[in-house]
Protein backbone atom coordinates (compact mmCIF):
# COMPACT_ATOMS: atom_id res chain seq x y z
CA UNK A 1 25.17 28.66 -20.43
CA UNK A 2 24.32 27.03 -17.11
CA UNK A 3 26.96 26.15 -14.57
CA UNK A 4 26.97 22.38 -13.94
CA UNK A 5 28.06 23.02 -10.36
CA UNK A 6 24.48 24.21 -9.70
CA UNK A 7 23.20 20.64 -10.02
CA UNK A 8 22.46 19.18 -6.59
CA UNK A 9 24.64 16.27 -5.48
CA UNK A 10 21.60 14.59 -3.93
CA UNK A 11 19.10 12.31 -5.65
CA UNK A 12 15.36 12.33 -5.02
CA UNK A 13 12.40 10.91 -6.91
CA UNK A 14 9.08 9.10 -6.88
CA UNK A 15 8.69 5.34 -7.38
CA UNK A 16 5.19 3.89 -7.93
CA UNK A 17 4.65 0.24 -6.93
CA UNK A 18 1.84 -1.11 -9.12
CA UNK A 19 0.22 -4.45 -9.91
CA UNK A 20 -2.98 -6.42 -9.46
CA UNK A 21 -4.33 -7.08 -5.95
CA UNK A 22 -2.45 -9.32 -3.54
CA UNK A 23 0.92 -9.59 -5.33
CA UNK A 24 2.88 -8.17 -2.38
CA UNK A 25 3.09 -4.43 -3.06
CA UNK A 26 2.52 -3.34 0.55
CA UNK A 27 4.89 -6.03 1.84
CA UNK A 28 7.56 -4.73 -0.56
CA UNK A 29 7.09 -1.15 0.64
CA UNK A 30 7.31 -2.11 4.31
CA UNK A 31 10.45 -4.19 3.79
CA UNK A 32 12.15 -1.53 1.65
CA UNK A 33 11.53 0.99 4.43
CA UNK A 34 12.38 -1.40 7.25
CA UNK A 35 9.23 -0.20 8.97
CA UNK A 36 5.55 -0.98 8.61
CA UNK A 37 3.49 1.86 7.18
CA UNK A 38 1.27 0.04 4.66
CA UNK A 39 -1.25 -2.49 5.97
CA UNK A 40 -1.20 -6.07 4.72
CA UNK A 41 -3.41 -9.14 4.77
CA UNK A 42 -4.00 -12.24 2.66
CA UNK A 43 -7.25 -10.66 1.47
CA UNK A 44 -6.96 -8.92 -1.93
CA UNK A 45 -7.61 -5.17 -2.13
CA UNK A 46 -6.52 -4.50 1.45
CA UNK A 47 -4.80 -1.30 0.28
CA UNK A 48 -7.38 1.34 -0.75
CA UNK A 49 -5.34 4.55 -0.86
CA UNK A 50 -2.02 5.49 -2.34
CA UNK A 51 0.34 5.29 0.65
CA UNK A 52 3.63 7.17 0.47
CA UNK A 53 6.73 5.75 2.14
CA UNK A 54 9.91 7.82 2.30
CA UNK A 55 13.36 6.25 2.51
CA UNK A 56 16.34 8.56 3.01
CA UNK A 57 19.87 7.22 3.14
CA UNK A 58 22.74 9.66 2.77
CA UNK A 59 22.36 11.61 -0.48
CA UNK A 60 19.42 9.55 -1.75
CA UNK A 61 15.72 9.95 -0.98
CA UNK A 62 13.27 7.48 -2.57
CA UNK A 63 9.59 8.39 -2.27
CA UNK A 64 7.63 5.16 -2.75
CA UNK A 65 3.94 5.20 -3.62
CA UNK A 66 2.14 1.97 -2.68
CA UNK A 67 -1.03 1.71 -4.75
CA UNK A 68 -4.30 -0.23 -4.50
CA UNK A 69 -4.31 -3.29 -6.76
CA UNK A 70 -5.79 -2.60 -10.19
CA UNK A 71 -8.75 -4.94 -10.55
CA UNK A 72 -11.53 -5.76 -12.99
CA UNK A 73 -15.24 -5.83 -12.23
CA UNK A 74 -16.75 -4.86 -8.87
CA UNK A 75 -17.80 -1.42 -10.07
CA UNK A 76 -18.89 0.14 -6.78
CA UNK A 77 -17.74 3.68 -6.01
CA UNK A 78 -15.00 2.40 -3.66
CA UNK A 79 -13.64 0.12 -6.41
CA UNK A 80 -13.66 2.95 -8.96
CA UNK A 81 -11.81 5.10 -6.44
CA UNK A 82 -9.14 2.42 -5.90
CA UNK A 83 -8.57 2.00 -9.65
CA UNK A 84 -8.28 5.78 -10.10
CA UNK A 85 -5.77 5.94 -7.23
CA UNK A 86 -3.59 3.25 -8.82
CA UNK A 87 -3.79 4.74 -12.33
CA UNK A 88 -2.96 8.24 -11.10
CA UNK A 89 0.14 7.00 -9.27
CA UNK A 90 1.65 5.70 -12.51
CA UNK A 91 1.77 9.21 -13.94
CA UNK A 92 4.40 11.79 -13.04
CA UNK A 93 6.73 9.38 -11.26
CA UNK A 94 10.38 8.75 -12.02
CA UNK A 95 10.26 4.94 -11.96
CA UNK A 96 7.48 2.33 -11.92
CA UNK A 97 7.90 -1.05 -10.21
CA UNK A 98 5.41 -3.49 -11.76
CA UNK A 99 4.95 -6.47 -9.44
CA UNK A 100 3.77 -9.88 -10.60
CA UNK A 101 3.46 -13.18 -8.74
CA UNK A 102 5.87 -15.94 -9.87
CA UNK A 103 4.50 -17.76 -12.99
CA UNK A 104 0.98 -16.39 -12.55
CA UNK A 105 -0.33 -14.04 -15.25
CA UNK A 106 -4.00 -13.03 -15.07
CA UNK A 107 -6.40 -10.72 -16.90
CA UNK A 108 -5.71 -8.16 -14.18
CA UNK A 109 -1.95 -8.39 -14.80
CA UNK A 110 -2.72 -7.84 -18.48
CA UNK A 111 -4.83 -4.78 -17.63
CA UNK A 112 -1.95 -3.28 -15.64
CA UNK A 113 0.47 -4.02 -18.50
CA UNK A 114 -1.82 -2.21 -20.98
CA UNK A 115 -1.90 0.89 -18.78
CA UNK A 116 1.89 0.83 -18.58
CA UNK A 117 2.08 1.13 -22.38
CA UNK A 118 1.20 4.80 -21.92
CA UNK A 119 3.86 5.47 -19.28
CA UNK A 120 7.09 7.20 -20.28
CA UNK A 121 8.94 6.44 -17.02
CA UNK A 122 11.26 3.42 -16.92
CA UNK A 123 9.53 0.25 -15.70
CA UNK A 124 11.18 -2.38 -13.53
CA UNK A 125 9.36 -5.70 -13.55
CA UNK A 126 9.56 -7.34 -10.11
CA UNK A 127 8.71 -11.06 -10.11
CA UNK A 128 7.74 -11.68 -6.50
CA UNK A 129 7.62 -14.77 -4.27
CA UNK A 130 10.46 -16.56 -6.08
CA UNK A 131 11.30 -18.27 -2.78
CA UNK A 132 8.13 -20.33 -3.33
CA UNK A 133 9.23 -21.62 -6.75
CA UNK A 134 10.35 -25.25 -6.55
CA UNK A 135 11.59 -25.59 -10.15
CA UNK A 136 14.14 -22.77 -10.31
CA UNK A 137 15.18 -23.78 -13.84
CA UNK A 138 11.72 -22.83 -15.11
CA UNK A 139 12.24 -19.26 -13.94
CA UNK A 140 14.62 -18.08 -16.68
CA UNK A 141 12.38 -19.00 -19.65
CA UNK A 142 9.46 -17.39 -17.82
CA UNK A 143 11.42 -14.16 -17.36
CA UNK A 144 12.32 -14.23 -21.07
CA UNK A 145 8.62 -14.53 -21.97
CA UNK A 146 7.77 -11.56 -19.78
CA UNK A 147 10.46 -9.39 -21.38
CA UNK A 148 8.97 -10.21 -24.81
CA UNK A 149 5.51 -9.24 -23.58
CA UNK A 150 6.49 -6.01 -21.81
CA UNK A 151 8.67 -3.02 -22.57
CA UNK A 152 10.67 -2.94 -19.35
CA UNK A 153 14.02 -1.42 -18.44
CA UNK A 154 14.91 -4.24 -16.03
CA UNK A 155 13.45 -7.48 -14.76
CA UNK A 156 14.30 -8.75 -11.29
CA UNK A 157 13.21 -11.88 -9.40
CA UNK A 158 12.73 -11.23 -5.69
CA UNK A 159 10.90 -12.09 -2.50
CA UNK A 160 9.47 -9.07 -0.69
CA UNK A 161 8.68 -11.13 2.40
CA UNK A 162 12.09 -12.86 2.63
CA UNK A 163 14.17 -9.79 1.64
CA UNK A 164 15.60 -11.60 -1.39
CA UNK A 165 17.14 -9.24 -3.99
CA UNK A 166 15.64 -6.09 -2.41
CA UNK A 167 19.09 -4.48 -2.20
CA UNK A 168 19.50 -5.08 -5.95
CA UNK A 169 16.07 -3.55 -6.63
CA UNK A 170 16.98 -0.49 -4.58
CA UNK A 171 20.23 -0.07 -6.52
CA UNK A 172 18.29 -0.19 -9.82
CA UNK A 173 15.92 2.47 -8.53
CA UNK A 174 18.66 4.78 -7.29
CA UNK A 175 20.38 4.65 -10.72
CA UNK A 176 17.21 6.05 -12.27
CA UNK A 177 16.42 8.81 -9.80
CA UNK A 178 17.06 12.38 -10.93
CA UNK A 179 19.58 14.67 -9.26
CA UNK A 180 17.34 16.78 -7.05
CA UNK A 181 17.08 18.20 -3.57
CA UNK A 182 15.28 16.08 -0.97
CA UNK A 183 11.62 16.90 -0.54
CA UNK A 184 11.21 15.58 3.01
CA UNK A 185 13.23 15.66 6.26
CA UNK A 186 15.45 12.59 6.57
CA UNK A 187 13.54 11.23 9.59
CA UNK A 188 10.09 11.39 7.93
CA UNK A 189 8.80 8.02 6.68
CA UNK A 190 5.36 8.92 5.26
CA UNK A 191 3.31 11.94 4.22
CA UNK A 192 0.15 10.40 5.66
CA UNK A 193 -1.32 11.81 8.87
CA UNK A 194 -1.25 9.97 12.19
CA UNK A 195 -5.07 9.79 12.08
CA UNK A 196 -4.89 8.05 8.69
CA UNK A 197 -2.30 5.57 9.98
CA UNK A 198 -4.44 4.80 13.06
CA UNK A 199 -7.50 4.12 10.88
CA UNK A 200 -5.47 1.84 8.61
CA UNK A 201 -4.17 -0.19 11.56
CA UNK A 202 -7.73 -0.81 12.81
CA UNK A 203 -8.83 -1.78 9.29
CA UNK A 204 -5.94 -4.22 8.93
CA UNK A 205 -6.76 -6.00 12.19
CA UNK A 206 -10.42 -6.34 11.17
CA UNK A 207 -9.46 -7.66 7.73
CA UNK A 208 -7.05 -10.19 9.22
CA UNK A 209 -9.51 -11.29 11.91
CA UNK A 210 -12.54 -11.74 9.67
CA UNK A 211 -11.08 -12.81 6.32
CA UNK A 212 -13.96 -13.72 4.04
CA UNK A 213 -16.60 -13.30 6.77
CA UNK A 214 -16.75 -9.54 6.27
CA UNK A 215 -16.87 -8.23 2.67
CA UNK A 216 -15.15 -5.07 1.51
CA UNK A 217 -18.00 -2.88 2.74
CA UNK A 218 -16.16 -1.80 5.89
CA UNK A 219 -14.45 1.51 6.62
CA UNK A 220 -12.81 3.14 9.65
CA UNK A 221 -13.11 6.79 10.63
CA UNK A 222 -11.07 8.34 13.48
CA UNK A 223 -13.36 10.56 15.55
CA UNK A 224 -10.93 11.44 18.36
CA UNK A 225 -7.13 11.69 18.30
CA UNK A 226 -5.96 13.57 21.36
CA UNK A 227 -2.74 13.46 23.37
CA UNK A 228 -3.16 13.98 27.11
CA UNK A 229 0.15 13.75 28.93
CA UNK A 230 1.66 10.33 28.26
CA UNK A 231 -1.63 8.93 26.89
CA UNK A 232 -2.96 9.19 23.33
CA UNK A 233 -6.75 8.84 23.23
CA UNK A 234 -8.09 7.42 19.96
CA UNK A 235 -11.74 6.75 19.16
CA UNK A 236 -12.47 4.91 15.92
CA UNK A 237 -15.85 4.47 14.23
CA UNK A 238 -16.13 1.30 12.13
CA UNK A 239 -18.74 1.50 9.38
CA UNK A 240 -20.42 -1.60 7.94
CA UNK A 241 -23.37 -1.88 5.57
CA UNK A 242 -25.67 -4.40 7.29
CA UNK A 243 -26.74 -5.41 10.79
CA UNK A 244 -25.44 -8.94 10.15
CA UNK A 245 -21.96 -7.56 9.47
CA UNK A 246 -22.10 -5.57 12.71
CA UNK A 247 -22.92 -8.72 14.69
CA UNK A 248 -20.06 -10.64 13.04
CA UNK A 249 -17.60 -7.84 13.80
CA UNK A 250 -18.63 -7.45 17.44
CA UNK A 251 -18.66 -11.22 17.99
CA UNK A 252 -20.05 -13.25 20.86
CA UNK A 253 -20.19 -11.04 23.98
CA UNK A 254 -17.98 -8.50 22.20
CA UNK A 255 -14.98 -10.85 22.09
CA UNK A 256 -14.05 -10.23 18.46
CA UNK A 257 -14.10 -6.44 18.57
CA UNK A 258 -12.14 -6.61 21.84
CA UNK A 259 -9.42 -8.69 20.14
CA UNK A 260 -9.30 -6.26 17.19
CA UNK A 261 -8.81 -3.42 19.67
CA UNK A 262 -6.05 -5.23 21.56
CA UNK A 263 -4.10 -6.03 18.37
CA UNK A 264 -4.55 -2.52 16.95
CA UNK A 265 -3.41 -0.89 20.20
CA UNK A 266 -0.14 -2.90 20.19
CA UNK A 267 0.71 -1.70 16.66
CA UNK A 268 -0.31 1.89 17.45
CA UNK A 269 1.90 2.01 20.54
CA UNK A 270 4.87 0.88 18.41
CA UNK A 271 4.10 3.42 15.67
CA UNK A 272 3.31 6.43 17.88
CA UNK A 273 5.74 5.52 20.69
CA UNK A 274 3.22 6.30 23.44
CA UNK A 275 0.55 4.62 25.54
CA UNK A 276 -2.77 4.32 23.71
CA UNK A 277 -6.36 4.37 24.99
CA UNK A 278 -8.33 2.97 22.04
CA UNK A 279 -12.13 2.94 21.83
CA UNK A 280 -13.92 1.22 18.94
CA UNK A 281 -17.55 1.72 17.85
CA UNK A 282 -19.43 -0.13 15.12
CA UNK A 283 -22.17 1.59 13.12
CA UNK A 284 -24.35 0.46 10.21
CA UNK A 285 -24.30 2.91 7.27
CA UNK A 286 -26.11 1.21 4.42
CA UNK A 287 -24.69 1.69 0.91
CA UNK A 288 -21.65 3.77 1.86
CA UNK A 289 -19.29 1.84 -0.45
CA UNK A 290 -21.31 2.82 -3.53
CA UNK A 291 -21.94 6.45 -2.53
CA UNK A 292 -19.43 8.94 -3.96
CA UNK A 293 -20.24 11.55 -1.28
CA UNK A 294 -19.81 9.02 1.52
CA UNK A 295 -16.52 7.87 -0.01
CA UNK A 296 -15.18 11.46 0.03
CA UNK A 297 -16.42 12.10 3.58
CA UNK A 298 -14.40 9.08 4.72
CA UNK A 299 -11.21 10.55 3.31
CA UNK A 300 -11.08 8.80 -0.08
CA UNK A 301 -10.64 12.14 -1.84
CA UNK A 302 -7.20 12.29 -3.40
CA UNK A 303 -8.62 13.40 -6.75
């Protein structure tokens, strides 16, 4: 007979944040942590990897996994990778947060819901961007429809961007975490490397700068990451698929790539708490986004 005093007094567990592209998963993670670790933009599919964010408060440690948006079509190797990353994150976690956008329900939402039918973990349905709903009375019947459609433990309206109801969501998560010892030191906020974070910051600034001008066929590889005294030297190689994309990214007289570098350096100095010397290079590598070997060489190799 086991002694119940052996059970740890601390709680620790994994929470996967899932949903279709562009519903606010990365924004939710950043606001739950109170610190930016997952890149965001208005462009769908900005997140490509599962990004882990760790929040430790007192006896509780929540390990969030921000996933790429599950999407239909676009069957290049990079898209297959992103779907595998999202699907894998749903398994072996303690709680799943399924995010949807207000009254919008698409084929991609339906696809996520179908995958969740095979998940044994409790599911919390988070209806995001409720601050943008003008007719608040229409919200309750919509939530009732969603509960009929999905087998969820809880449903919660919130706004990730405006911090509405995030404390309530956190309380619901904590209730469902197992009693377990903490897996990470209390001051650690992610399990991703500094090189990975630097590459993601550059990719975010490019995505925000170019919007629809540059398709998804763009990747960032950190070639140098070296601290010398008070200065951190970072060299990043930006891969595109065509010469035309390279010209767009560099811009007239190099103005656009210079602006990307300036914006990325500001975020990096905040994150790494040091002065940054950032060098950016642009290279054409045709077909990389549909080449499994190229995908793995760029670090998309979680599986």
